[in-house]
N, C-alpha and C. Protein backbone atom coordinates (compact mmCIF):
# COMPACT_ATOMS: atom_id res chain seq x y z
N MET A 1 9.38 -7.90 8.83
CA MET A 1 8.10 -8.44 8.40
C MET A 1 7.85 -9.74 9.16
N SER A 2 6.75 -9.84 9.81
CA SER A 2 6.47 -11.03 10.60
C SER A 2 5.72 -12.06 9.75
N ASN A 3 5.60 -13.26 10.28
CA ASN A 3 4.89 -14.32 9.58
C ASN A 3 3.46 -14.47 10.07
N ASP A 4 2.92 -13.44 10.71
CA ASP A 4 1.55 -13.48 11.20
C ASP A 4 0.58 -13.63 10.03
N ILE A 5 -0.55 -14.26 10.29
CA ILE A 5 -1.59 -14.37 9.27
C ILE A 5 -2.16 -12.99 9.02
N LYS A 6 -2.21 -12.60 7.77
CA LYS A 6 -2.67 -11.26 7.40
C LYS A 6 -4.07 -11.32 6.84
N GLN A 7 -4.83 -10.27 7.09
CA GLN A 7 -6.16 -10.14 6.50
C GLN A 7 -6.00 -9.84 5.02
N VAL A 8 -6.62 -10.65 4.18
CA VAL A 8 -6.57 -10.45 2.73
C VAL A 8 -7.63 -9.43 2.35
N MET A 9 -7.22 -8.45 1.55
CA MET A 9 -8.15 -7.41 1.15
C MET A 9 -7.95 -7.10 -0.34
N LYS A 10 -9.00 -6.88 -1.05
CA LYS A 10 -8.95 -6.53 -2.46
C LYS A 10 -8.86 -5.01 -2.60
N ALA A 11 -8.35 -4.56 -3.74
CA ALA A 11 -8.19 -3.13 -4.00
C ALA A 11 -9.51 -2.38 -3.85
N ALA A 12 -10.59 -2.94 -4.35
CA ALA A 12 -11.88 -2.25 -4.28
C ALA A 12 -12.30 -1.98 -2.85
N VAL A 13 -12.00 -2.91 -1.94
CA VAL A 13 -12.36 -2.73 -0.53
C VAL A 13 -11.50 -1.64 0.09
N VAL A 14 -10.20 -1.65 -0.20
CA VAL A 14 -9.30 -0.62 0.30
C VAL A 14 -9.77 0.76 -0.18
N LEU A 15 -10.09 0.87 -1.46
CA LEU A 15 -10.52 2.16 -2.01
C LEU A 15 -11.84 2.63 -1.40
N GLU A 16 -12.74 1.70 -1.15
CA GLU A 16 -14.01 2.05 -0.51
C GLU A 16 -13.78 2.56 0.92
N LYS A 17 -12.92 1.87 1.66
CA LYS A 17 -12.61 2.29 3.03
C LYS A 17 -11.88 3.64 3.01
N TYR A 18 -10.97 3.80 2.07
CA TYR A 18 -10.25 5.06 1.95
C TYR A 18 -11.22 6.21 1.68
N ALA A 19 -12.18 6.00 0.79
CA ALA A 19 -13.18 7.03 0.47
C ALA A 19 -14.00 7.42 1.70
N ARG A 20 -14.17 6.48 2.64
CA ARG A 20 -14.92 6.75 3.88
C ARG A 20 -14.02 7.38 4.97
N GLY A 21 -12.76 7.60 4.63
CA GLY A 21 -11.86 8.28 5.56
C GLY A 21 -10.86 7.39 6.27
N GLU A 22 -10.91 6.09 6.05
CA GLU A 22 -9.95 5.19 6.69
C GLU A 22 -8.59 5.31 6.00
N ARG A 23 -7.53 5.32 6.79
CA ARG A 23 -6.17 5.41 6.25
C ARG A 23 -5.27 4.29 6.79
N ASP A 24 -5.75 3.51 7.73
CA ASP A 24 -4.95 2.51 8.40
C ASP A 24 -5.16 1.13 7.78
N PHE A 25 -4.18 0.70 7.00
CA PHE A 25 -4.22 -0.61 6.34
C PHE A 25 -3.01 -1.44 6.76
N ARG A 26 -2.57 -1.23 8.00
CA ARG A 26 -1.41 -1.95 8.51
C ARG A 26 -1.64 -3.45 8.51
N GLY A 27 -0.60 -4.17 8.06
CA GLY A 27 -0.59 -5.61 8.20
C GLY A 27 -1.51 -6.40 7.28
N ILE A 28 -2.14 -5.76 6.31
CA ILE A 28 -3.04 -6.50 5.43
C ILE A 28 -2.29 -7.13 4.26
N SER A 29 -2.90 -8.08 3.60
CA SER A 29 -2.35 -8.69 2.41
C SER A 29 -3.07 -8.13 1.19
N LEU A 30 -2.28 -7.49 0.32
CA LEU A 30 -2.82 -6.87 -0.90
C LEU A 30 -2.05 -7.34 -2.13
N THR A 31 -1.65 -8.57 -2.16
CA THR A 31 -0.81 -9.03 -3.26
C THR A 31 -1.53 -8.93 -4.61
N ARG A 32 -0.76 -8.48 -5.59
CA ARG A 32 -1.19 -8.38 -7.00
C ARG A 32 -2.48 -7.58 -7.20
N GLN A 33 -2.63 -6.49 -6.46
CA GLN A 33 -3.81 -5.63 -6.63
C GLN A 33 -3.43 -4.45 -7.53
N ASN A 34 -4.43 -3.72 -8.00
CA ASN A 34 -4.20 -2.63 -8.94
C ASN A 34 -4.73 -1.31 -8.36
N PHE A 35 -3.78 -0.38 -8.14
CA PHE A 35 -4.13 0.95 -7.65
C PHE A 35 -3.63 2.02 -8.63
N LYS A 36 -3.58 1.69 -9.91
CA LYS A 36 -3.13 2.66 -10.91
C LYS A 36 -3.99 3.91 -10.84
N ARG A 37 -3.30 5.07 -10.80
CA ARG A 37 -3.95 6.38 -10.82
C ARG A 37 -4.89 6.64 -9.63
N LYS A 38 -4.74 5.92 -8.56
CA LYS A 38 -5.61 6.11 -7.39
C LYS A 38 -4.96 7.03 -6.37
N ASN A 39 -5.77 7.71 -5.58
CA ASN A 39 -5.28 8.57 -4.52
C ASN A 39 -5.29 7.81 -3.20
N LEU A 40 -4.10 7.60 -2.65
CA LEU A 40 -3.96 6.92 -1.36
C LEU A 40 -3.06 7.74 -0.45
N LYS A 41 -3.17 9.05 -0.56
CA LYS A 41 -2.38 9.98 0.24
C LYS A 41 -2.60 9.68 1.73
N ASN A 42 -1.50 9.63 2.46
CA ASN A 42 -1.49 9.40 3.92
C ASN A 42 -1.92 7.99 4.34
N ALA A 43 -2.00 7.05 3.41
CA ALA A 43 -2.38 5.69 3.77
C ALA A 43 -1.23 5.00 4.51
N ASN A 44 -1.56 4.15 5.45
CA ASN A 44 -0.57 3.41 6.22
C ASN A 44 -0.62 1.94 5.81
N PHE A 45 0.41 1.52 5.05
CA PHE A 45 0.54 0.13 4.62
C PHE A 45 1.71 -0.54 5.35
N SER A 46 2.07 -0.05 6.52
CA SER A 46 3.19 -0.66 7.24
C SER A 46 2.86 -2.11 7.58
N ASN A 47 3.88 -2.94 7.50
CA ASN A 47 3.77 -4.39 7.76
C ASN A 47 2.82 -5.11 6.82
N ALA A 48 2.43 -4.48 5.72
CA ALA A 48 1.52 -5.10 4.76
C ALA A 48 2.29 -5.94 3.73
N ASP A 49 1.62 -6.90 3.16
CA ASP A 49 2.17 -7.70 2.07
C ASP A 49 1.56 -7.16 0.78
N ILE A 50 2.34 -6.38 0.04
CA ILE A 50 1.82 -5.78 -1.20
C ILE A 50 2.62 -6.27 -2.42
N ARG A 51 3.18 -7.46 -2.31
CA ARG A 51 3.97 -8.00 -3.42
C ARG A 51 3.18 -7.98 -4.73
N GLY A 52 3.85 -7.48 -5.79
CA GLY A 52 3.27 -7.49 -7.13
C GLY A 52 2.13 -6.52 -7.33
N THR A 53 1.91 -5.61 -6.41
CA THR A 53 0.81 -4.65 -6.53
C THR A 53 1.22 -3.49 -7.42
N GLN A 54 0.28 -2.95 -8.13
CA GLN A 54 0.50 -1.88 -9.11
C GLN A 54 0.07 -0.53 -8.52
N PHE A 55 1.04 0.39 -8.38
CA PHE A 55 0.76 1.75 -7.90
C PHE A 55 1.17 2.78 -8.95
N THR A 56 1.24 2.40 -10.20
CA THR A 56 1.66 3.31 -11.27
C THR A 56 0.77 4.55 -11.30
N ASN A 57 1.40 5.72 -11.32
CA ASN A 57 0.71 7.02 -11.37
C ASN A 57 -0.22 7.26 -10.17
N ALA A 58 -0.05 6.54 -9.09
CA ALA A 58 -0.88 6.73 -7.90
C ALA A 58 -0.33 7.87 -7.04
N ASN A 59 -1.20 8.49 -6.27
CA ASN A 59 -0.77 9.50 -5.31
C ASN A 59 -0.56 8.82 -3.97
N LEU A 60 0.71 8.65 -3.60
CA LEU A 60 1.08 7.98 -2.35
C LEU A 60 1.82 8.95 -1.44
N GLU A 61 1.52 10.23 -1.57
CA GLU A 61 2.17 11.24 -0.76
C GLU A 61 1.96 10.93 0.73
N ASN A 62 3.07 10.92 1.46
CA ASN A 62 3.08 10.65 2.90
C ASN A 62 2.56 9.26 3.28
N ALA A 63 2.50 8.35 2.35
CA ALA A 63 2.09 6.98 2.67
C ALA A 63 3.21 6.28 3.44
N ASN A 64 2.85 5.32 4.25
CA ASN A 64 3.81 4.59 5.07
C ASN A 64 3.87 3.13 4.62
N PHE A 65 5.06 2.72 4.15
CA PHE A 65 5.30 1.34 3.73
C PHE A 65 6.37 0.68 4.62
N SER A 66 6.55 1.18 5.82
CA SER A 66 7.57 0.63 6.72
C SER A 66 7.31 -0.86 6.97
N ASN A 67 8.38 -1.63 6.86
CA ASN A 67 8.34 -3.08 7.10
C ASN A 67 7.39 -3.83 6.17
N ALA A 68 6.96 -3.20 5.09
CA ALA A 68 6.07 -3.87 4.12
C ALA A 68 6.89 -4.73 3.16
N ASP A 69 6.28 -5.77 2.65
CA ASP A 69 6.90 -6.59 1.62
C ASP A 69 6.47 -6.01 0.27
N ILE A 70 7.39 -5.28 -0.37
CA ILE A 70 7.07 -4.58 -1.62
C ILE A 70 7.73 -5.23 -2.84
N ARG A 71 8.21 -6.46 -2.69
CA ARG A 71 8.87 -7.13 -3.81
C ARG A 71 7.94 -7.23 -5.01
N GLY A 72 8.45 -6.78 -6.17
CA GLY A 72 7.68 -6.85 -7.42
C GLY A 72 6.61 -5.79 -7.55
N THR A 73 6.53 -4.88 -6.60
CA THR A 73 5.52 -3.82 -6.64
C THR A 73 5.97 -2.72 -7.57
N ARG A 74 5.05 -2.16 -8.36
CA ARG A 74 5.37 -1.10 -9.33
C ARG A 74 4.93 0.25 -8.79
N PHE A 75 5.91 1.18 -8.73
CA PHE A 75 5.65 2.55 -8.29
C PHE A 75 5.96 3.55 -9.41
N THR A 76 5.93 3.12 -10.65
CA THR A 76 6.28 3.97 -11.79
C THR A 76 5.45 5.23 -11.81
N ASN A 77 6.12 6.38 -11.83
CA ASN A 77 5.48 7.70 -11.88
C ASN A 77 4.52 7.98 -10.73
N ALA A 78 4.62 7.24 -9.65
CA ALA A 78 3.77 7.50 -8.48
C ALA A 78 4.32 8.71 -7.73
N ASN A 79 3.45 9.46 -7.09
CA ASN A 79 3.87 10.56 -6.22
C ASN A 79 4.25 9.95 -4.87
N LEU A 80 5.55 9.92 -4.60
CA LEU A 80 6.07 9.31 -3.37
C LEU A 80 6.63 10.37 -2.41
N LYS A 81 6.24 11.63 -2.60
CA LYS A 81 6.73 12.70 -1.75
C LYS A 81 6.35 12.40 -0.29
N GLY A 82 7.36 12.33 0.54
CA GLY A 82 7.15 12.09 1.97
C GLY A 82 6.83 10.65 2.33
N ALA A 83 6.79 9.75 1.36
CA ALA A 83 6.47 8.35 1.64
C ALA A 83 7.63 7.72 2.43
N VAL A 84 7.28 6.79 3.31
CA VAL A 84 8.27 6.14 4.18
C VAL A 84 8.38 4.66 3.79
N PHE A 85 9.62 4.21 3.57
CA PHE A 85 9.88 2.81 3.20
C PHE A 85 10.87 2.17 4.18
N ARG A 86 10.87 2.60 5.42
CA ARG A 86 11.82 2.10 6.41
C ARG A 86 11.68 0.59 6.57
N SER A 87 12.78 -0.11 6.37
CA SER A 87 12.87 -1.57 6.54
C SER A 87 11.91 -2.35 5.63
N ALA A 88 11.47 -1.74 4.53
CA ALA A 88 10.62 -2.47 3.57
C ALA A 88 11.48 -3.47 2.81
N LEU A 89 10.91 -4.60 2.45
CA LEU A 89 11.64 -5.63 1.68
C LEU A 89 11.56 -5.31 0.22
């Protein structure tokens, strides 16, 4: 995880972009956001700062969290089939 300045984004913006077909959220800051029960299949959160974010019951199938800072993040009952957490903190 680098110390580069990250673009801060709120959950509503991510979900809006996802609905329009965007899946690339690499390197963004999403700390303490709520994605409970949301579909984020195939989303790329590599190198993102998602500390304290809520993904309870979310669909994260094939999502990429490589090198992401996931400290304090909740994945309770999330669909993590095929999700990648390589070198995540």
